[in-house]
N, C-alpha and C. Protein backbone atom coordinates (compact mmCIF):
# COMPACT_ATOMS: atom_id res chain seq x y z
N MET A 1 -3.92 14.65 -7.79
CA MET A 1 -3.02 14.38 -6.68
C MET A 1 -3.86 14.04 -5.44
N PRO A 2 -3.59 12.89 -4.79
CA PRO A 2 -4.38 12.50 -3.62
C PRO A 2 -4.12 13.40 -2.42
N LYS A 3 -5.18 13.53 -1.61
CA LYS A 3 -5.08 14.37 -0.42
C LYS A 3 -4.18 13.69 0.61
N LYS A 4 -3.31 14.46 1.26
CA LYS A 4 -2.40 13.92 2.26
C LYS A 4 -3.18 13.64 3.55
N ILE A 5 -2.98 12.44 4.10
CA ILE A 5 -3.64 12.06 5.35
C ILE A 5 -2.63 12.23 6.48
N PRO A 6 -2.95 13.05 7.50
CA PRO A 6 -2.01 13.25 8.59
C PRO A 6 -1.85 11.98 9.43
N MET A 7 -0.64 11.73 9.89
CA MET A 7 -0.34 10.57 10.72
C MET A 7 -0.11 11.03 12.16
N ARG A 8 -0.56 10.20 13.11
CA ARG A 8 -0.35 10.48 14.52
C ARG A 8 0.11 9.20 15.20
N GLN A 9 0.82 9.35 16.33
CA GLN A 9 1.33 8.20 17.05
C GLN A 9 0.41 7.86 18.22
N CYS A 10 0.04 6.59 18.34
CA CYS A 10 -0.76 6.12 19.47
C CYS A 10 0.10 6.11 20.72
N LEU A 11 -0.44 6.62 21.83
CA LEU A 11 0.30 6.64 23.09
C LEU A 11 0.46 5.24 23.68
N GLY A 12 -0.41 4.30 23.32
CA GLY A 12 -0.35 2.95 23.88
C GLY A 12 0.63 2.07 23.15
N CYS A 13 0.39 1.83 21.86
CA CYS A 13 1.23 0.90 21.09
C CYS A 13 2.39 1.60 20.39
N ARG A 14 2.40 2.95 20.38
CA ARG A 14 3.47 3.76 19.79
C ARG A 14 3.58 3.59 18.27
N GLU A 15 2.51 3.13 17.62
CA GLU A 15 2.51 2.99 16.16
C GLU A 15 1.97 4.24 15.50
N MET A 16 2.53 4.60 14.34
CA MET A 16 2.02 5.71 13.55
C MET A 16 0.84 5.21 12.73
N LYS A 17 -0.29 5.91 12.85
CA LYS A 17 -1.50 5.52 12.13
C LYS A 17 -2.17 6.78 11.58
N PRO A 18 -3.03 6.62 10.56
CA PRO A 18 -3.77 7.78 10.05
C PRO A 18 -4.63 8.39 11.15
N LYS A 19 -4.65 9.70 11.22
CA LYS A 19 -5.37 10.44 12.26
C LYS A 19 -6.84 10.02 12.40
N PRO A 20 -7.59 9.81 11.28
CA PRO A 20 -9.01 9.45 11.44
C PRO A 20 -9.24 8.10 12.13
N GLU A 21 -8.24 7.22 12.16
CA GLU A 21 -8.39 5.91 12.79
C GLU A 21 -8.20 5.96 14.31
N LEU A 22 -7.71 7.08 14.83
CA LEU A 22 -7.37 7.19 16.25
C LEU A 22 -8.40 8.02 17.01
N ILE A 23 -8.43 7.83 18.32
CA ILE A 23 -9.30 8.61 19.21
C ILE A 23 -8.42 9.64 19.90
N ARG A 24 -8.89 10.87 19.95
CA ARG A 24 -8.13 11.96 20.56
C ARG A 24 -8.52 12.10 22.03
N VAL A 25 -7.52 12.13 22.90
CA VAL A 25 -7.73 12.43 24.31
C VAL A 25 -7.43 13.91 24.46
N VAL A 26 -8.39 14.66 25.00
CA VAL A 26 -8.28 16.12 25.04
C VAL A 26 -8.20 16.63 26.47
N ARG A 27 -7.26 17.55 26.71
CA ARG A 27 -7.27 18.33 27.95
C ARG A 27 -7.83 19.68 27.58
N SER A 28 -9.03 19.95 28.08
CA SER A 28 -9.71 21.21 27.75
C SER A 28 -8.99 22.37 28.41
N PRO A 29 -9.27 23.60 27.97
CA PRO A 29 -8.65 24.78 28.62
C PRO A 29 -8.95 24.85 30.12
N GLU A 30 -10.06 24.22 30.57
CA GLU A 30 -10.40 24.19 31.99
C GLU A 30 -9.64 23.11 32.75
N GLY A 31 -8.95 22.21 32.01
CA GLY A 31 -8.17 21.15 32.64
C GLY A 31 -8.85 19.80 32.70
N GLU A 32 -10.05 19.66 32.11
CA GLU A 32 -10.76 18.38 32.12
C GLU A 32 -10.27 17.48 30.99
N LEU A 33 -10.22 16.17 31.25
CA LEU A 33 -9.85 15.21 30.22
C LEU A 33 -11.09 14.52 29.69
N SER A 34 -11.12 14.30 28.38
CA SER A 34 -12.22 13.57 27.76
C SER A 34 -11.75 12.98 26.44
N LEU A 35 -12.55 12.08 25.89
CA LEU A 35 -12.25 11.50 24.59
C LEU A 35 -13.00 12.29 23.52
N ASP A 36 -12.32 12.52 22.42
CA ASP A 36 -12.90 13.29 21.32
C ASP A 36 -12.89 12.39 20.08
N PHE A 37 -14.05 11.86 19.71
CA PHE A 37 -14.14 10.91 18.61
C PHE A 37 -14.09 11.61 17.24
N ARG A 38 -14.42 12.89 17.19
CA ARG A 38 -14.42 13.62 15.92
C ARG A 38 -13.16 14.45 15.70
N GLY A 39 -12.41 14.72 16.75
CA GLY A 39 -11.19 15.51 16.62
C GLY A 39 -11.44 17.00 16.53
N LYS A 40 -12.57 17.48 17.05
CA LYS A 40 -12.95 18.88 16.90
C LYS A 40 -12.95 19.68 18.21
N LYS A 41 -12.86 18.99 19.35
CA LYS A 41 -12.94 19.71 20.63
C LYS A 41 -11.71 20.59 20.83
N PRO A 42 -11.89 21.74 21.47
CA PRO A 42 -10.74 22.61 21.72
C PRO A 42 -9.88 22.07 22.86
N GLY A 43 -8.59 22.32 22.78
CA GLY A 43 -7.68 21.91 23.83
C GLY A 43 -6.51 21.12 23.30
N ARG A 44 -5.63 20.75 24.20
CA ARG A 44 -4.43 19.99 23.87
C ARG A 44 -4.81 18.54 23.67
N GLY A 45 -4.33 17.90 22.62
CA GLY A 45 -4.73 16.54 22.32
C GLY A 45 -3.58 15.56 22.23
N ALA A 46 -3.90 14.30 22.51
CA ALA A 46 -3.01 13.17 22.33
C ALA A 46 -3.87 12.05 21.75
N TYR A 47 -3.26 11.07 21.13
CA TYR A 47 -4.03 10.09 20.37
C TYR A 47 -3.85 8.67 20.88
N LEU A 48 -4.94 7.88 20.79
CA LEU A 48 -4.96 6.47 21.18
C LEU A 48 -5.71 5.67 20.13
N CYS A 49 -5.31 4.40 19.96
CA CYS A 49 -6.09 3.49 19.13
C CYS A 49 -7.42 3.24 19.82
N PRO A 50 -8.46 2.89 19.06
CA PRO A 50 -9.76 2.60 19.69
C PRO A 50 -9.78 1.21 20.32
N ASP A 51 -8.75 0.90 21.09
CA ASP A 51 -8.57 -0.41 21.69
C ASP A 51 -8.31 -0.23 23.19
N PRO A 52 -9.11 -0.86 24.04
CA PRO A 52 -8.89 -0.72 25.48
C PRO A 52 -7.48 -1.15 25.92
N ALA A 53 -6.84 -2.05 25.17
CA ALA A 53 -5.48 -2.48 25.52
C ALA A 53 -4.49 -1.32 25.37
N CYS A 54 -4.70 -0.48 24.37
CA CYS A 54 -3.81 0.69 24.20
C CYS A 54 -4.02 1.69 25.34
N LEU A 55 -5.27 1.84 25.78
CA LEU A 55 -5.54 2.73 26.92
C LEU A 55 -4.86 2.18 28.17
N ALA A 56 -4.89 0.86 28.36
CA ALA A 56 -4.24 0.24 29.52
C ALA A 56 -2.73 0.44 29.47
N ARG A 57 -2.13 0.30 28.28
CA ARG A 57 -0.68 0.51 28.14
C ARG A 57 -0.31 1.96 28.41
N ALA A 58 -1.13 2.88 27.91
CA ALA A 58 -0.87 4.30 28.14
C ALA A 58 -0.99 4.63 29.62
N LYS A 59 -1.92 3.99 30.30
CA LYS A 59 -2.10 4.20 31.74
C LYS A 59 -0.87 3.69 32.50
N LYS A 60 -0.42 2.50 32.15
CA LYS A 60 0.73 1.90 32.84
C LYS A 60 2.00 2.74 32.65
N ALA A 61 2.19 3.27 31.44
CA ALA A 61 3.39 4.07 31.14
C ALA A 61 3.21 5.55 31.51
N ARG A 62 2.02 5.91 31.99
CA ARG A 62 1.70 7.31 32.32
C ARG A 62 1.90 8.23 31.11
N ALA A 63 1.63 7.69 29.93
CA ALA A 63 1.87 8.42 28.68
C ALA A 63 0.93 9.62 28.52
N ILE A 64 -0.33 9.48 28.93
CA ILE A 64 -1.28 10.58 28.80
C ILE A 64 -0.88 11.72 29.73
N GLU A 65 -0.45 11.39 30.92
CA GLU A 65 -0.01 12.42 31.87
C GLU A 65 1.17 13.21 31.31
N ARG A 66 2.12 12.51 30.69
CA ARG A 66 3.28 13.20 30.13
C ARG A 66 2.92 14.01 28.89
N ALA A 67 2.07 13.44 28.03
CA ALA A 67 1.72 14.12 26.78
C ALA A 67 0.89 15.38 27.03
N LEU A 68 0.02 15.34 28.03
CA LEU A 68 -0.88 16.47 28.27
C LEU A 68 -0.46 17.32 29.46
N SER A 69 0.65 16.98 30.09
CA SER A 69 1.19 17.75 31.22
C SER A 69 0.15 17.99 32.30
N THR A 70 -0.50 16.91 32.73
CA THR A 70 -1.51 17.01 33.77
C THR A 70 -1.56 15.72 34.56
N GLN A 71 -2.04 15.79 35.79
CA GLN A 71 -2.23 14.60 36.61
C GLN A 71 -3.56 13.96 36.22
N VAL A 72 -3.57 12.62 36.19
CA VAL A 72 -4.78 11.89 35.84
C VAL A 72 -5.15 11.02 37.03
N GLY A 73 -6.30 11.31 37.63
CA GLY A 73 -6.76 10.55 38.79
C GLY A 73 -7.44 9.25 38.39
N ALA A 74 -7.67 8.37 39.37
CA ALA A 74 -8.29 7.07 39.11
C ALA A 74 -9.69 7.23 38.52
N GLU A 75 -10.46 8.21 39.02
CA GLU A 75 -11.82 8.40 38.50
C GLU A 75 -11.80 8.85 37.04
N VAL A 76 -10.76 9.59 36.65
CA VAL A 76 -10.63 10.02 35.25
C VAL A 76 -10.32 8.82 34.36
N TRP A 77 -9.45 7.92 34.82
CA TRP A 77 -9.15 6.71 34.04
C TRP A 77 -10.42 5.88 33.84
N GLU A 78 -11.21 5.73 34.91
CA GLU A 78 -12.45 4.97 34.80
C GLU A 78 -13.41 5.62 33.81
N ALA A 79 -13.49 6.94 33.84
CA ALA A 79 -14.37 7.66 32.91
C ALA A 79 -13.88 7.48 31.47
N LEU A 80 -12.56 7.54 31.24
CA LEU A 80 -12.02 7.35 29.90
C LEU A 80 -12.31 5.94 29.40
N GLU A 81 -12.16 4.94 30.28
CA GLU A 81 -12.45 3.56 29.89
C GLU A 81 -13.93 3.40 29.54
N ALA A 82 -14.81 4.01 30.33
CA ALA A 82 -16.26 3.93 30.06
C ALA A 82 -16.60 4.62 28.75
N GLN A 83 -15.99 5.79 28.49
CA GLN A 83 -16.24 6.50 27.23
C GLN A 83 -15.77 5.67 26.04
N MET A 84 -14.62 5.00 26.19
CA MET A 84 -14.10 4.20 25.07
C MET A 84 -15.02 3.02 24.79
N LYS A 85 -15.55 2.38 25.84
CA LYS A 85 -16.46 1.25 25.67
C LYS A 85 -17.78 1.71 25.04
N ALA A 86 -18.23 2.91 25.42
CA ALA A 86 -19.49 3.44 24.88
C ALA A 86 -19.33 3.88 23.42
N GLY A 87 -18.10 4.16 23.01
CA GLY A 87 -17.84 4.57 21.63
C GLY A 87 -18.37 5.96 21.34
N GLU A 88 -18.98 6.14 20.19
CA GLU A 88 -19.41 7.44 19.76
C GLU A 88 -20.63 7.97 20.51
N VAL A 89 -21.25 7.12 21.33
CA VAL A 89 -22.40 7.56 22.11
C VAL A 89 -21.98 8.63 23.10
N GLY A 90 -20.75 8.52 23.65
CA GLY A 90 -20.27 9.48 24.63
C GLY A 90 -19.83 10.79 24.04
N ASP A 91 -19.97 10.96 22.75
CA ASP A 91 -19.49 12.18 22.07
C ASP A 91 -20.42 13.33 22.26
């Protein structure tokens, strides 16, 4: 019997995709936001496709703010965009 792959919804494009294909945006217990490429960091998580366009759509719709119940400042958006461009190096 094949192992079940969990599905998660991207905040940008709103498509259901396998969890390993998505990047997790994490609000740590201290309230900091960061990208989690492995899905192991502690905290509340929401998911995005590894596509800057999905991050832009989530920003426009304020989807991350609603999903993680926190305010997201301009400097945090810039840091998230930089982490996404850097890929796994920022992990």
